[in-house]
Amino acid sequence: MSEIVSKTILFVCMYFVLVNTEDSVNEDHEVVMNAEYDFKLKWRIDDGDILLEMSADTMGYVAIGFSPNGGMPGSDIVIGWVRNGQPYLSDRYATEYAKPEADTSQDYTLLYGREEGGRTTIGFSRALNTCDDKDNVINDDTIRVIWAVNNMDPVNSDDIIYHGTSRGVRSILLLSSQEDEFDFPEEYSYFDGFMPNVTVPEDSDTTYLCFSLPVPKFDSPVHIFRAETIVQEGHESLVHHLLAYSCQGTTTNWTGDCYDSANMPTDLRDCDRLLYGWAVGAQPLNYPEHVGISLGKEGDPTVMFVQIHYDNPGLSPDFHDNSGVRFFYTPMLREYDAGIWEIGEAVTELQAIPANENLFKTFSFCYADCTREVLDEDIKIFFVFLHSHLAGRQMILQHYRNGSLIDDMARDDNYDFNQQDARVLRPERVFKPGDEFVLTCGYNTVGRDDITFGGLGTYDEMCLAYVFYYPKQANAGSCQSTPDVADVFTIMNFGCLPGDDVCAYASLAQMDPVVLREGLYNVANTAKRNSYCRDPDFNQIPGVGFYKDFPVWFSVNDRIDDANDVCSSETGTMATGGSSVSAMPAGLIMLPMFSFVTRLILRQ
């Protein structure tokens, strides 16, 4: 066989390998949108583009849309199908609950499509920001991804058949979620802790129950590298969030009300060191390969104290729960010990949100004198976990230095209570002693007739961010603020002394709604703050001032420009025209390269 023929055969083999690799987006992420159709969405980010694959058990079309609120109006929709072996893709948008219109700017690129075993698979790509006002920008916000299937292919681009009830929605973090591929170390084990079949009370919609478990005895120090919450099957709507704290206690196998201190063993009252947090929608937490939570060293925890928040709005008497947590650990120690720092609004009724607001904002501060005392060195932040309740619509953790905004460290202008997952910071952020945090929370209270206060209940509110960082700092427990009660009484003109709650509530009940709203706005935007700078045992750090003025360096309009905002007359372009359907025969993208390289080989 001649050398030329051998080279040609070798290249042809390579060509088919390349074609096959083009038949997958080589996804970093995958979610199941719907179990009935096994509708899977896979994706990965490639610089300014996102590559996606949607597949479902249907021989008709599959479709997804990027929605502002989970409904069709305002959604950017893409529909794909395969007919007679030919894949098709259509870029569309919806202005109402009706058949979506074809976008005159077709900004989705069809990569491949196939039908196999009763399943349709479509791969495609688009820019994160297409500069098309009919396409929604894909950014760090929570994205409501709507989906639909039909068992019939469209006859043509205008014949998009109604999907009926074969549709749904799922909230997803497309840009800042953890990658699905995770490599376990060569040596690892795990230990569990579960609620001992507790009966969830039927007389309250919100219950906090806690249990304790021993940390295993280790021959040598280990690192926790993964933690996951295990919710009892059928209790997915009951278990709202789980927090695992730790301490050097001795009481194990205790279960009870988390806030009944009179009946709680003394050593468990000091279990304040947060080790792990999970809320509705979160995936298992996998630490980067260079960090882990230390166990087995002198001073490390001996007891885990796990809190589960149960949400039982139907007051059902039938819930008996065994949910819990699993910690994976390895003796193969990582380079750094990780820590968790709680930032945000202290949970009190001084956080007050008026009724019937579309987006009312409150602000909490972690001041420079606190971070200067708490941090012995620069830290690197790798995860941020944002947490508010049902009224939460926006959460922004910002990083300031010397009065200037450094970074919107974690920003979600489309926050979803049902999708609370750790946000991966890529790259990791450097935070220095003397730097400051601001946590802004925006709430929608439309339909509520009364003030929403900060509190523990699901219908109360919170504004918290859990910052995962390294190297671990001995004094970093929590850094929070709340409006100063004396300033609140002055601003609201209650006419009674601070601390007279009966008078305060009576004044609020009698206040004109416009005056009430203006007063609460002024409290949120101007009131002096109390600064809570605490170590992991909840002790206030000495040398940190408690009473603070509202910081003059902060403006609610401060923000870092979106890196994906590339659309301008100078730097951005907007594609126009073109067919409303893209079609591409399998392998066509490789044919020009095949022809060119073949000619090159034959000329040798």
Foldseek 3Di string as FASTA:
>chain_A
DDPLVVVLVVVVVVLVVVLVVLVDQPFQDKDQPDDVFSWMKGWDDDVQKIKIKTKTQAQAKKKKWWALAWDQALIWMKIWHADPQWIKIFTFGDRDPDPTHGDQFPFKAWRDWDDDPSMTMTIIMGGQCQLDSRHDHQDQAWTKMKIADDRHYAPDPVRDDDRPPRMGIDTDRPPFDHGPDDDDDPDKDKDWDWDPQAFDFLPDQKFKKKFKAWDDADPAKKFFFKKDKFWPPPCLQFWFKKWKFFAADDDHGDMDGPPPVVPDDPRVVQRQFTDDIDGAAAGMDGHPQQEGAMDNDVRHGGMMMMMTMTGHVVSDRPGGTTIIMMTMIGPPDHNAYKGKFKEEADQDQLQKDFAQDAWAKFKKKQALQLLLLQDPWKKWWFKKWWDKADFWAWKWKWKAAPLHTDASQRTHNGDDSNHTYIGTGVVIDIHGRRIMIMIMTIGGRRPDNGMAGGDDDRSHITTMMMTMIDRDTQFRAYKIKGFDQQQLCVLLVLVDGRPPVVSVVVSLVPDDSVSNNVSSSCSRQWGWMFIARGGSSRDGDPPDDGTGGRDPSDDPPDHDDDPSPQDDPVGHDHGGRDDSMDIDNSSPVCVVVSVVVSVVSVVD
